[in-house]
Protein backbone atom coordinates (compact mmCIF):
# COMPACT_ATOMS: atom_id res chain seq x y z
CA MET A 1 229.90 -73.98 -5.20
CA ALA A 2 226.42 -75.53 -5.23
CA SER A 3 223.59 -73.41 -3.94
CA THR A 4 221.27 -74.42 -1.11
CA GLN A 5 218.06 -76.02 -2.35
CA THR A 6 214.96 -74.60 -0.68
CA THR A 7 211.21 -74.78 -1.08
CA ALA A 8 211.44 -71.38 -2.75
CA THR A 9 213.81 -72.63 -5.47
CA ARG A 10 212.14 -76.03 -5.88
CA THR A 11 208.47 -75.10 -5.86
CA GLU A 12 207.67 -77.78 -8.46
CA MET A 13 208.46 -80.44 -5.85
CA MET A 14 206.03 -78.85 -3.42
CA GLN A 15 203.41 -78.74 -6.17
CA THR A 16 203.84 -82.48 -6.72
CA TYR A 17 203.20 -83.07 -3.02
CA TYR A 18 199.90 -81.20 -3.19
CA ASP A 19 199.02 -82.90 -6.49
CA ASN A 20 199.35 -86.27 -4.73
CA ILE A 21 197.17 -85.19 -1.81
CA PHE A 22 194.54 -83.84 -4.21
CA LEU A 23 194.52 -86.90 -6.48
CA GLU A 24 194.46 -89.38 -3.60
CA GLU A 25 191.41 -87.66 -2.11
CA CYS A 26 189.69 -87.38 -5.50
CA GLN A 27 190.19 -91.07 -6.27
CA GLU A 28 189.16 -92.13 -2.78
CA ARG A 29 185.90 -90.17 -2.88
CA MET A 30 184.79 -90.90 -6.44
CA VAL A 31 182.13 -93.62 -6.82
CA ILE A 32 180.10 -93.46 -10.05
CA GLY A 33 183.07 -92.15 -12.01
CA ASN A 34 184.72 -95.55 -11.59
CA TRP A 35 181.83 -97.46 -13.19
CA VAL A 36 181.58 -95.82 -16.59
CA ASP A 37 182.97 -96.47 -20.07
CA VAL A 38 185.82 -94.02 -20.64
CA LYS A 39 186.93 -92.68 -24.02
CA LYS A 40 189.75 -90.21 -24.53
CA ILE A 41 189.89 -87.49 -27.17
CA PRO A 42 193.41 -86.99 -28.54
CA LEU A 43 194.75 -83.47 -28.04
CA ALA A 44 194.14 -81.10 -30.97
CA ARG A 45 191.44 -83.43 -32.40
CA GLY A 46 188.29 -81.49 -31.50
CA ASN A 47 186.03 -82.01 -28.49
CA ASP A 48 183.61 -84.75 -29.69
CA ILE A 49 183.85 -88.52 -29.60
CA SER A 50 181.43 -91.35 -30.42
CA TRP A 51 180.43 -94.72 -29.03
CA PHE A 52 178.48 -97.38 -30.93
CA ARG A 53 175.60 -98.67 -28.85
CA TYR A 54 174.75 -102.27 -29.70
CA TYR A 55 171.25 -103.67 -29.17
CA PRO A 56 170.89 -107.15 -27.64
CA LEU A 57 170.62 -109.90 -30.23
CA ASP A 58 167.27 -111.60 -30.81
CA ILE A 59 166.86 -115.05 -29.25
CA THR A 60 165.62 -117.90 -31.43
CA THR A 61 164.98 -121.53 -30.56
CA THR A 62 164.65 -122.72 -34.18
CA ALA A 63 167.22 -125.36 -35.12
CA ILE A 64 168.99 -125.06 -38.46
CA THR A 65 168.73 -127.73 -41.15
CA GLU A 66 171.63 -130.14 -41.13
CA GLY A 67 174.19 -129.19 -43.76
CA SER A 68 172.83 -125.66 -44.22
CA ALA A 69 175.48 -123.00 -44.74
CA THR A 70 173.17 -119.98 -44.62
CA GLN A 71 170.53 -120.53 -41.97
CA GLY A 72 170.77 -118.78 -38.61
CA GLN A 73 172.33 -115.53 -39.80
CA GLN A 74 171.28 -112.51 -37.73
CA ASP A 75 171.58 -108.80 -38.32
CA PHE A 76 173.07 -106.80 -35.50
CA LYS A 77 171.64 -103.38 -34.71
CA GLY A 78 172.79 -100.32 -32.89
CA GLN A 79 173.23 -96.57 -32.84
CA THR A 80 176.06 -94.08 -32.72
CA VAL A 81 176.07 -91.96 -29.55
CA SER A 82 178.26 -88.86 -29.36
CA GLY A 83 179.64 -86.96 -26.38
CA SER A 84 181.83 -83.89 -25.92
CA VAL A 85 184.35 -82.69 -23.36
CA ALA A 86 184.04 -79.50 -21.27
CA LYS A 87 186.15 -77.71 -18.66
CA HIS A 88 185.19 -77.52 -14.98
CA SER A 89 187.13 -75.27 -12.61
CA ASN A 90 186.75 -73.57 -9.21
CA TYR A 91 189.15 -71.83 -6.83
CA GLN A 92 189.55 -70.24 -3.39
CA LYS A 93 191.40 -66.99 -2.69
CA PHE A 94 193.17 -66.10 0.56
CA SER A 95 195.33 -63.25 1.80
CA GLU A 96 198.96 -63.18 2.79
CA LEU A 97 198.04 -62.47 6.42
CA PHE A 98 195.73 -65.48 6.48
CA LYS A 99 198.52 -67.67 5.12
CA LEU A 100 200.97 -66.34 7.73
CA THR A 101 198.63 -66.83 10.68
CA ALA A 102 196.55 -69.89 9.74
CA ARG A 103 196.97 -73.17 11.60
CA ASP A 104 197.40 -74.88 8.20
CA PRO A 105 199.91 -72.52 6.52
CA LYS A 106 200.74 -75.02 3.77
CA LEU A 107 197.00 -75.50 3.07
CA LYS A 108 197.25 -79.27 3.01
CA GLN A 109 193.64 -79.63 4.10
CA LEU A 110 192.49 -77.27 1.35
CA ALA A 111 194.11 -79.59 -1.20
CA ARG A 112 192.12 -82.47 0.30
CA LEU A 113 188.89 -80.46 0.21
CA ASN A 114 189.42 -79.67 -3.47
CA GLY A 115 190.07 -83.33 -4.22
CA GLU A 116 186.85 -84.31 -2.47
CA ALA A 117 184.91 -81.57 -4.30
CA ALA A 118 186.28 -82.68 -7.68
CA ALA A 119 185.20 -86.29 -7.04
CA LYS A 120 181.69 -85.28 -5.95
CA THR A 121 181.35 -82.97 -8.96
CA ILE A 122 182.28 -85.78 -11.35
CA ASP A 123 179.81 -88.15 -9.67
CA LEU A 124 176.99 -85.59 -9.69
CA LEU A 125 177.56 -84.75 -13.38
CA LEU A 126 177.36 -88.45 -14.26
CA LEU A 127 174.35 -89.00 -12.00
CA THR A 128 172.51 -86.04 -13.56
CA GLU A 129 173.18 -87.31 -17.09
CA CYS A 130 172.02 -90.77 -16.05
CA ILE A 131 168.71 -89.56 -14.59
CA LYS A 132 167.89 -86.88 -17.18
CA ASN A 133 168.84 -88.69 -20.35
CA GLY A 134 169.55 -92.31 -19.68
CA SER A 135 167.24 -94.29 -17.44
CA PHE A 136 164.17 -96.54 -17.32
CA PRO A 137 161.79 -94.97 -14.74
CA ILE A 138 159.91 -96.85 -12.01
CA ARG A 139 157.90 -95.28 -9.19
CA GLN A 140 158.38 -96.62 -5.68
CA ASP A 141 154.61 -96.85 -5.18
CA GLU A 142 153.75 -98.66 -8.43
CA LEU A 143 153.25 -102.03 -6.80
CA GLY A 144 151.01 -100.76 -4.02
CA LYS A 145 148.89 -98.15 -5.79
CA SER A 146 147.08 -97.53 -9.03
CA GLU A 147 149.37 -97.28 -12.06
CA THR A 148 147.65 -94.04 -13.10
CA TYR A 149 150.98 -92.28 -13.35
CA SER A 150 152.78 -94.91 -15.43
CA ILE A 151 152.23 -96.06 -19.00
CA GLU A 152 154.11 -98.73 -20.91
CA ALA A 153 153.02 -99.16 -24.50
CA THR A 154 154.01 -99.44 -28.17
CA VAL A 155 154.24 -96.31 -30.29
CA ASP A 156 151.23 -95.75 -32.56
CA THR A 157 151.75 -96.16 -36.29
CA SER A 158 151.94 -92.55 -37.38
CA THR A 159 153.98 -90.45 -39.78
CA THR A 160 153.97 -87.68 -37.17
CA ASN A 161 156.25 -89.60 -34.81
CA ASP A 162 159.75 -88.21 -35.13
CA SER A 163 162.97 -87.82 -33.15
CA VAL A 164 161.47 -85.35 -30.66
CA THR A 165 157.73 -86.11 -30.64
CA ILE A 166 155.70 -89.24 -29.98
CA ILE A 167 151.96 -89.63 -30.56
CA ASP A 168 149.97 -92.25 -28.67
CA ALA A 169 146.22 -92.49 -28.20
CA GLU A 170 146.73 -94.17 -24.82
CA LEU A 171 147.94 -90.84 -23.47
CA ALA A 172 144.89 -88.93 -24.61
CA GLY A 173 142.22 -87.67 -22.21
CA ASN A 174 144.46 -87.13 -19.21
CA ALA A 175 143.00 -83.85 -18.04
CA ASN A 176 145.68 -83.31 -15.42
CA ASN A 177 148.54 -83.55 -17.91
CA TYR A 178 150.38 -85.81 -15.50
CA PHE A 179 153.06 -86.60 -18.03
CA ALA A 180 154.19 -83.01 -18.62
CA GLU A 181 157.02 -83.58 -16.13
CA GLY A 182 157.57 -87.27 -16.71
CA HIS A 183 160.58 -89.48 -17.32
CA PHE A 184 160.63 -91.31 -20.64
CA CYS A 185 162.45 -94.35 -22.05
CA VAL A 186 162.23 -96.31 -25.31
CA HIS A 187 163.41 -99.72 -24.19
CA LYS A 188 162.68 -101.88 -27.21
CA GLY A 189 162.27 -101.40 -30.93
CA THR A 190 163.83 -101.63 -34.35
CA THR A 191 165.57 -98.26 -34.28
CA ASN A 192 165.42 -96.75 -30.83
CA TYR A 193 166.44 -99.28 -28.23
CA GLY A 194 167.88 -97.65 -25.14
CA HIS A 195 166.86 -94.03 -25.71
CA GLY A 196 165.92 -92.04 -22.58
CA SER A 197 164.84 -88.48 -21.99
CA THR A 198 162.71 -86.15 -19.95
CA VAL A 199 159.40 -84.79 -21.20
CA ALA A 200 159.23 -81.17 -22.31
CA SER A 201 155.46 -80.96 -22.82
CA TYR A 202 152.30 -83.01 -23.16
CA THR A 203 148.87 -82.28 -24.64
CA SER A 204 145.52 -83.98 -24.12
CA VAL A 205 145.63 -85.46 -27.65
CA GLY A 206 148.51 -87.67 -26.60
CA ASN A 207 151.39 -85.65 -27.99
CA ILE A 208 154.62 -86.07 -26.01
CA LEU A 209 157.54 -83.80 -26.74
CA VAL A 210 160.74 -85.33 -25.42
CA LEU A 211 163.71 -83.17 -24.64
CA ASP A 212 167.49 -83.04 -24.18
CA ASN A 213 168.42 -86.43 -25.55
CA ALA A 214 166.41 -86.58 -28.78
CA ALA A 215 166.45 -89.89 -30.61
CA PRO A 216 168.83 -89.81 -33.58
CA VAL A 217 166.26 -91.41 -35.87
CA ASP A 218 162.46 -91.49 -36.08
CA TYR A 219 160.37 -93.58 -33.74
CA ASP A 220 158.60 -96.44 -35.47
CA ASN A 221 155.64 -98.63 -34.62
CA SER A 222 157.84 -101.35 -33.08
CA SER A 223 159.23 -98.97 -30.45
CA GLN A 224 158.08 -99.84 -26.94
CA TYR A 225 158.26 -96.99 -24.48
CA ARG A 226 157.64 -96.27 -20.83
CA ILE A 227 156.71 -92.91 -19.32
CA VAL A 228 156.33 -92.17 -15.61
CA SER A 229 154.99 -89.02 -14.00
CA THR A 230 156.00 -87.94 -10.50
CA THR A 231 152.63 -86.37 -9.69
CA GLY A 232 151.13 -87.92 -6.56
CA LEU A 233 154.42 -89.23 -5.18
CA THR A 234 154.80 -88.36 -1.49
CA ALA A 235 157.45 -88.34 1.22
CA THR A 236 155.93 -91.54 2.62
CA ASP A 237 156.66 -93.45 -0.61
CA ILE A 238 160.09 -94.46 0.62
CA ILE A 239 162.49 -96.94 -0.91
CA ASP A 240 162.15 -100.52 0.37
CA GLY A 241 163.15 -104.10 -0.33
CA THR A 242 160.07 -104.83 -2.43
CA SER A 243 160.70 -101.96 -4.83
CA ILE A 244 164.39 -102.86 -5.12
CA GLY A 245 163.45 -106.45 -5.91
CA TYR A 246 161.00 -105.32 -8.58
CA ALA A 247 163.58 -102.98 -10.10
CA VAL A 248 166.08 -105.84 -10.28
CA SER A 249 163.53 -108.05 -12.03
CA ARG A 250 163.05 -105.35 -14.68
CA ALA A 251 166.82 -104.96 -14.99
CA ARG A 252 167.16 -108.64 -15.79
CA GLU A 253 164.22 -108.46 -18.18
CA LEU A 254 165.97 -105.61 -20.01
CA LYS A 255 169.10 -107.77 -20.25
CA PHE A 256 171.40 -105.48 -18.27
CA TYR A 257 175.08 -106.21 -18.61
CA THR A 258 176.52 -106.84 -15.15
CA PHE A 259 179.69 -105.67 -13.44
CA SER A 260 182.31 -108.03 -12.06
CA GLY A 261 180.85 -110.89 -10.05
CA GLY A 262 177.50 -110.65 -11.90
CA PHE A 263 176.20 -107.67 -9.90
CA PHE A 264 174.39 -104.48 -10.77
CA ARG A 265 175.44 -101.34 -8.86
CA CYS A 266 173.48 -98.68 -7.01
CA PRO A 267 174.73 -95.35 -5.58
CA LEU A 268 172.71 -94.85 -2.40
CA GLY A 269 172.21 -91.40 -0.90
CA PRO A 270 171.98 -90.79 2.87
CA GLN A 271 168.17 -90.56 2.98
CA ALA A 272 167.65 -93.67 0.87
CA GLU A 273 170.18 -95.62 2.95
CA TYR A 274 168.44 -94.54 6.16
CA ASP A 275 165.01 -95.65 4.91
CA LEU A 276 166.29 -98.90 3.46
CA GLN A 277 167.97 -99.82 6.74
CA LYS A 278 164.58 -99.62 8.46
CA ASP A 279 162.93 -101.93 5.91
CA THR A 280 162.13 -105.39 7.29
CA VAL A 281 163.02 -107.18 4.04
CA TYR A 282 166.41 -105.46 3.85
CA ARG A 283 167.16 -106.09 7.52
CA ALA A 284 166.20 -109.76 7.30
CA ILE A 285 168.63 -110.38 4.45
CA ALA A 286 171.41 -108.03 5.54
CA GLU A 287 171.51 -109.40 9.08
CA TYR A 288 172.83 -112.76 7.91
CA GLN A 289 175.07 -111.48 5.16
CA LYS A 290 178.77 -111.55 5.86
CA SER A 291 181.04 -110.00 3.30
CA ASP A 292 184.74 -109.27 3.18
CA TYR A 293 184.26 -107.06 0.14
CA ALA A 294 186.18 -103.92 1.08
CA GLU A 295 185.91 -101.59 -1.93
CA LYS A 296 185.54 -97.94 -0.90
CA GLY A 297 181.99 -96.83 -0.21
CA PHE A 298 180.59 -100.36 -0.35
CA ILE A 299 177.59 -101.03 1.93
CA LYS A 300 175.93 -104.36 1.10
CA ALA A 301 175.20 -106.66 -1.83
CA LEU A 302 171.54 -107.70 -1.91
CA TRP A 303 169.13 -108.88 -4.64
CA GLY A 304 172.08 -109.03 -7.04
CA VAL A 305 172.85 -105.32 -6.45
CA GLN A 306 175.98 -103.87 -4.87
CA PHE A 307 175.07 -100.72 -2.90
CA TYR A 308 177.60 -97.90 -2.57
CA ARG A 309 177.42 -94.87 -0.30
CA ILE A 310 177.26 -91.38 -1.85
CA THR A 311 176.55 -88.07 -0.09
CA ILE A 312 174.77 -86.15 -2.88
CA PRO A 313 171.69 -87.94 -4.30
CA TYR A 314 169.85 -86.65 -7.36
CA LEU A 315 166.88 -84.50 -6.30
CA ARG A 316 164.05 -82.76 -8.12
CA LEU A 317 160.61 -81.42 -7.22
CA ILE A 318 157.61 -83.75 -7.26
CA GLY A 319 155.00 -83.11 -9.94
CA THR A 320 156.10 -79.62 -10.96
CA THR A 321 156.10 -78.79 -14.66
CA ALA A 322 159.27 -77.30 -16.16
CA THR A 323 161.54 -78.43 -13.31
CA TYR A 324 162.36 -81.71 -15.01
CA ALA A 325 165.75 -80.70 -16.32
CA ASP A 326 168.23 -80.16 -13.55
CA TYR A 327 169.36 -81.32 -10.15
CA ASN A 328 167.59 -79.33 -7.43
CA GLU A 329 169.18 -79.51 -3.98
CA SER A 330 165.86 -78.38 -2.44
CA GLY A 331 163.89 -81.11 -4.20
CA ASN A 332 161.62 -83.58 -2.41
CA MET A 333 161.84 -86.48 -4.88
CA TYR A 334 164.84 -88.79 -4.87
CA CYS A 335 166.14 -90.63 -7.91
CA THR A 336 168.10 -93.76 -7.02
CA PRO A 337 169.59 -95.53 -10.07
CA ILE A 338 170.33 -99.23 -10.33
CA MET A 339 172.96 -99.43 -13.03
CA GLY A 340 174.26 -102.04 -15.41
CA ARG A 341 177.57 -101.95 -17.20
CA HIS A 342 177.84 -99.79 -20.35
CA ALA A 343 175.04 -97.49 -19.18
CA LEU A 344 177.16 -94.32 -19.03
CA GLY A 345 180.16 -92.94 -20.83
CA ARG A 346 182.79 -90.43 -19.78
CA VAL A 347 184.88 -88.33 -22.15
CA ASP A 348 188.40 -87.37 -21.06
CA LEU A 349 191.25 -85.60 -22.84
CA SER A 350 194.07 -87.93 -23.84
CA GLY A 351 197.44 -86.63 -22.71
CA TYR A 352 195.87 -84.54 -19.94
CA ALA A 353 196.57 -85.79 -16.44
CA GLY A 354 192.98 -85.70 -15.26
CA PRO A 355 191.78 -83.58 -12.32
CA LYS A 356 194.52 -81.34 -10.99
CA ILE A 357 195.08 -78.78 -8.28
CA ILE A 358 196.31 -75.26 -8.99
CA ILE A 359 198.36 -73.32 -6.42
CA LYS A 360 199.36 -69.77 -7.26
CA ASN A 361 201.43 -67.47 -5.07
CA PRO A 362 202.12 -63.91 -6.29
CA GLY A 363 205.68 -63.06 -7.16
CA PRO A 364 207.81 -60.25 -8.60
CA GLN A 365 206.28 -60.66 -12.07
CA THR A 366 202.64 -60.59 -10.89
CA MET A 367 201.50 -57.12 -11.94
CA SER A 368 197.94 -57.65 -10.70
CA GLU A 369 199.23 -58.17 -7.14
CA PRO A 370 201.62 -55.24 -6.44
CA HIS A 371 201.67 -56.06 -2.72
CA ASP A 372 201.91 -59.84 -3.21
CA GLU A 373 198.71 -59.95 -1.20
CA ASN A 374 196.52 -62.84 -2.38
CA SER A 375 197.19 -66.48 -3.19
CA ILE A 376 194.89 -68.97 -4.92
CA VAL A 377 194.19 -72.67 -4.56
CA GLY A 378 191.95 -74.15 -7.22
CA ARG A 379 190.95 -77.31 -9.04
CA LYS A 380 190.12 -78.10 -12.65
CA PHE A 381 189.34 -81.04 -14.88
CA TYR A 382 188.14 -81.71 -18.41
CA MET A 383 185.28 -84.17 -18.76
CA GLY A 384 182.13 -84.92 -20.69
CA GLN A 385 179.34 -87.31 -19.74
CA LYS A 386 176.93 -89.24 -21.95
CA ALA A 387 174.10 -91.70 -21.38
CA LEU A 388 174.92 -94.64 -23.63
CA ASN A 389 171.93 -96.91 -23.07
CA ALA A 390 168.88 -95.81 -21.08
CA ALA A 391 167.63 -99.38 -20.90
CA PHE A 392 170.61 -100.27 -18.69
CA VAL A 393 169.64 -98.00 -15.75
CA ILE A 394 166.57 -98.37 -13.57
CA ASN A 395 165.63 -94.95 -12.15
CA LEU A 396 163.72 -95.61 -8.92
CA LEU A 397 161.65 -92.52 -8.05
CA HIS A 398 160.81 -92.23 -4.36
CA GLY A 399 160.32 -89.94 -1.38
CA ALA A 400 162.23 -90.02 1.89
CA THR A 401 161.50 -89.56 5.58
CA GLY A 402 164.72 -87.62 6.08
CA LEU A 403 167.43 -88.02 8.67
């Protein structure tokens, strides 16, 4: 005689139900994670994988000689960029009495919360990598103030330039060491196109030590770089239509690859969205724009940029040495990236089903829970993130008036 099937004897079916809730919420909430180049590492094949970053081809207007079989040949250039995968996991613990008396005894909402948290974690990891190691910096106030805090130049001819240090006389004599906490990008050159980093230190002789994402080969005297300090930026230097327009012009100058429809993309935090909505240029254009584009998180498409809503912007402190490295939720400077395609890469594990939820209830074999007291709901995923080309992300540095 067949036995009665219950939730106790078919727990794997219940797990699938919560997996679906978790994954639906994760996919619905994820924004930046959907824009990146994804590579998968086969199981049991290590934890590193490489991309090859191509440089744009040179443009020439010289016609070839009729009948020539050899004229017009070009060398292509690029670099290998490597990334690795890591594990991310968190969980919540609750008691048997809580489970028996809670309004949500099956913890459906907790599965949704973990899905949302996984999506936001993935987006923040990618956003942090983008800002720290893969972006072309522009200050919001550059067009309206002195460019004291920004320098764009060609690397000096020097044998002392290497993969972590750059020497340039133009940087000498800055008594305030403005660039000690700057953002750095090599956006053109024979060997280093698309390399971004943050600055570890600066001396008055013009010695910049770049950090985190060191160039794989030496800088040479054709490398054109840009460095921007955040010193002097204030809360009143808010994002506006003029700065967005300027950023887009630089994106086109840097030959950004576009996403579908020929657009760049921008994840817009709450404070930046609030300030931009007050801007007269933005309002004048947005008022007459009608769009049936319904992708999740989409706000508007202006100046050739599709804006998407995120809840956690990248923050750091203005003009403070040694705080360059990490996201700081108490920061007062906002970094809003305008991204082209192929700017970021994500490393996943092939054969692994992506983010997943973990539900554990104690049972007769659980020696650590003799009273079957505590259950666990958790989430985990394996992912790595890598900036592929810093010249394909404009990092707009600005303040905000708040909400």
